[in-house]
Protein backbone atom coordinates (compact mmCIF):
# COMPACT_ATOMS: atom_id res chain seq x y z
CA MET A 1 7.25 12.47 -0.34
CA SER A 2 10.50 10.71 -1.08
CA ASN A 3 11.21 9.49 -4.58
CA ASN A 4 12.11 6.04 -3.25
CA LYS A 5 8.63 5.58 -1.82
CA LEU A 6 6.93 6.45 -5.11
CA ASP A 7 9.25 4.16 -7.04
CA ALA A 8 8.09 1.14 -5.03
CA PRO A 9 6.44 -1.64 -7.07
CA ILE A 10 2.64 -1.59 -7.16
CA GLU A 11 2.66 -4.87 -5.25
CA VAL A 12 3.23 -2.86 -2.03
CA LEU A 13 -0.31 -1.48 -2.36
CA GLY A 14 -1.82 -4.92 -1.70
CA LEU A 15 -4.42 -4.56 -4.44
CA SER A 16 -7.01 -7.19 -5.21
CA ARG A 17 -6.12 -9.49 -8.11
CA ARG A 18 -8.59 -7.72 -10.42
CA ALA A 19 -7.22 -4.22 -9.74
CA TYR A 20 -3.63 -5.46 -9.93
CA ASN A 21 -4.17 -7.21 -13.26
CA ALA A 22 -6.02 -4.19 -14.69
CA LEU A 23 -2.89 -2.09 -14.10
CA LYS A 24 -0.16 -4.65 -14.72
CA TYR A 25 -1.72 -6.03 -17.89
CA ARG A 26 -3.32 -2.80 -19.07
CA MET A 27 -5.64 -2.91 -22.01
CA SER A 28 -7.13 0.08 -23.70
CA ALA A 29 -10.69 0.13 -24.99
CA ASP A 30 -10.29 3.07 -27.36
CA ALA A 31 -12.86 3.05 -30.17
CA GLY A 32 -14.25 -0.25 -28.87
CA VAL A 33 -11.06 -2.12 -29.78
CA PHE A 34 -9.20 -3.82 -26.94
CA ALA A 35 -5.43 -3.84 -27.19
CA LEU A 36 -2.57 -4.31 -24.72
CA VAL A 37 -0.95 -1.03 -23.81
CA PRO A 38 2.84 -1.26 -24.24
CA ASP A 39 3.68 0.29 -20.87
CA PRO A 40 2.09 -1.56 -17.94
CA VAL A 41 1.88 0.18 -14.58
CA SER A 42 4.62 -1.28 -12.41
CA THR A 43 5.36 1.44 -9.82
CA VAL A 44 3.31 3.46 -7.35
CA ARG A 45 4.43 6.61 -9.19
CA GLN A 46 2.95 5.35 -12.47
CA ALA A 47 -0.32 4.39 -10.76
CA ALA A 48 -0.57 7.79 -9.05
CA LYS A 49 -0.07 9.59 -12.38
CA LEU A 50 -3.02 7.88 -14.08
CA THR A 51 -5.73 10.37 -14.90
CA GLU A 52 -9.43 9.72 -14.36
CA ARG A 53 -9.81 9.39 -18.13
CA GLU A 54 -7.03 6.78 -18.30
CA LEU A 55 -8.62 4.84 -15.43
CA ASN A 56 -11.98 4.91 -17.22
CA THR A 57 -10.43 3.40 -20.38
CA LEU A 58 -9.26 0.29 -18.53
CA PRO A 59 -12.01 -2.22 -19.29
CA SER A 60 -11.33 -4.52 -16.33
CA LEU A 61 -11.13 -1.69 -13.78
CA GLY A 62 -14.69 -1.19 -12.62
CA PRO A 63 -15.94 1.30 -10.04
CA VAL A 64 -15.11 -0.93 -7.05
CA SER A 65 -11.55 -1.62 -8.25
CA LYS A 66 -11.06 2.06 -9.10
CA ARG A 67 -12.20 3.07 -5.61
CA GLU A 68 -9.89 0.43 -4.09
CA LEU A 69 -6.93 1.75 -6.09
CA LYS A 70 -7.56 5.35 -5.04
CA THR A 71 -8.03 4.39 -1.38
CA LYS A 72 -4.87 2.28 -1.25
CA LEU A 73 -2.82 4.89 -3.10
CA MET A 74 -3.92 7.55 -0.61
CA ALA A 75 -3.16 5.28 2.36
CA PHE A 76 0.28 4.44 0.96
CA VAL A 77 1.13 8.07 0.26
CA ASN A 78 0.16 9.02 3.83
CA ALA A 79 1.93 6.05 5.46
CA ARG A 80 4.74 6.84 7.85
CA PRO A 81 7.47 4.86 9.63
CA LEU A 82 7.21 3.72 13.23
CA SER A 83 8.38 6.07 15.96
CA LEU A 84 9.87 5.17 19.31
CA ASN A 85 7.31 5.16 22.14
CA GLU A 86 4.46 4.83 19.61
CA THR A 87 1.64 2.48 20.58
CA VAL A 88 0.82 -0.20 18.02
CA LYS A 89 -1.56 -3.15 17.89
CA THR A 90 -0.50 -6.77 17.53
CA GLN A 91 -2.49 -10.00 17.55
CA ARG A 92 -1.80 -10.18 21.30
CA GLY A 93 -2.76 -6.63 22.17
CA TYR A 94 -1.19 -3.18 22.30
CA GLY A 95 2.50 -2.54 22.84
CA GLU A 96 4.89 0.40 22.90
CA VAL A 97 7.71 0.55 20.34
CA VAL A 98 11.09 0.57 22.10
CA HIS A 99 13.37 -0.25 19.13
CA VAL A 100 13.08 -0.54 15.33
CA SER A 101 15.68 -2.17 13.09
CA ALA A 102 15.84 -4.07 9.80
CA GLY A 103 12.09 -4.43 9.36
CA GLN A 104 11.50 -5.56 12.95
CA ALA A 105 10.22 -3.74 16.02
CA CYS A 106 10.75 -4.56 19.66
CA LEU A 107 7.63 -3.84 21.71
CA ARG A 108 7.07 -3.49 25.45
CA PHE A 109 3.66 -4.64 26.63
CA PRO A 110 1.77 -3.34 29.68
CA ASP A 111 2.75 -6.46 31.69
CA GLY A 112 6.44 -5.58 31.11
CA ARG A 113 7.30 -8.35 28.64
CA LEU A 114 9.24 -7.58 25.46
CA ALA A 115 8.62 -9.15 22.07
CA VAL A 116 9.96 -8.68 18.55
CA TYR A 117 7.55 -8.40 15.61
CA LEU A 118 7.89 -7.86 11.88
CA VAL A 119 6.92 -4.26 11.15
CA THR A 120 4.53 -5.49 8.45
CA SER A 121 2.50 -7.41 11.07
CA LEU A 122 1.79 -4.33 13.19
CA LYS A 123 -1.20 -1.99 13.00
CA ARG A 124 -1.70 1.55 14.23
CA PRO A 125 -4.75 2.15 16.45
CA ASP A 126 -6.09 4.66 13.87
CA GLY A 127 -5.61 2.15 11.04
CA SER A 128 -3.00 4.20 9.15
CA LEU A 129 -0.31 2.24 7.35
CA ILE A 130 3.17 1.62 8.70
CA ILE A 131 6.14 1.63 6.35
CA GLU A 132 9.68 0.55 7.02
C-alpha cells in the first residue's frame, strides 16, 4: 500500500462522530484516571497502528465503535481506484467508466448517454470503496 494513502487524515474513513472523537480527542483510562493523551490520532496510519490494548483503553470507544473502526480501516486499505470499462452504480443506475480525471468520471449508460459524476458519488456493485 502506498505511503500517501496511509498518511490520509482519518476523516477519509467516514467514522461516526463517537468513533472519530474517541480517536481525535483520545483519553486514556489507565488506573481509573482519565487524561487527554498528548498525541491524538490524525492519520489512517496512526489509527491502523493502534493495538487492541490501546483501543480497549479508550473509554469512549465501545464495542460498536471499535468494530466500526476496524471495518472502515479494512475497507479503506482494500479500496482501489476506478478502472476504464469498470461498471459502477450511480443514483440513476449502472454505467461503464469511459474516462477518469481530477476526481470525476465520465460514464456511458446502456442507453448510450454519457454523464460526468464525482468519483466520491459512485459505488461498486460489490460495495468495495473507490478511491481517487
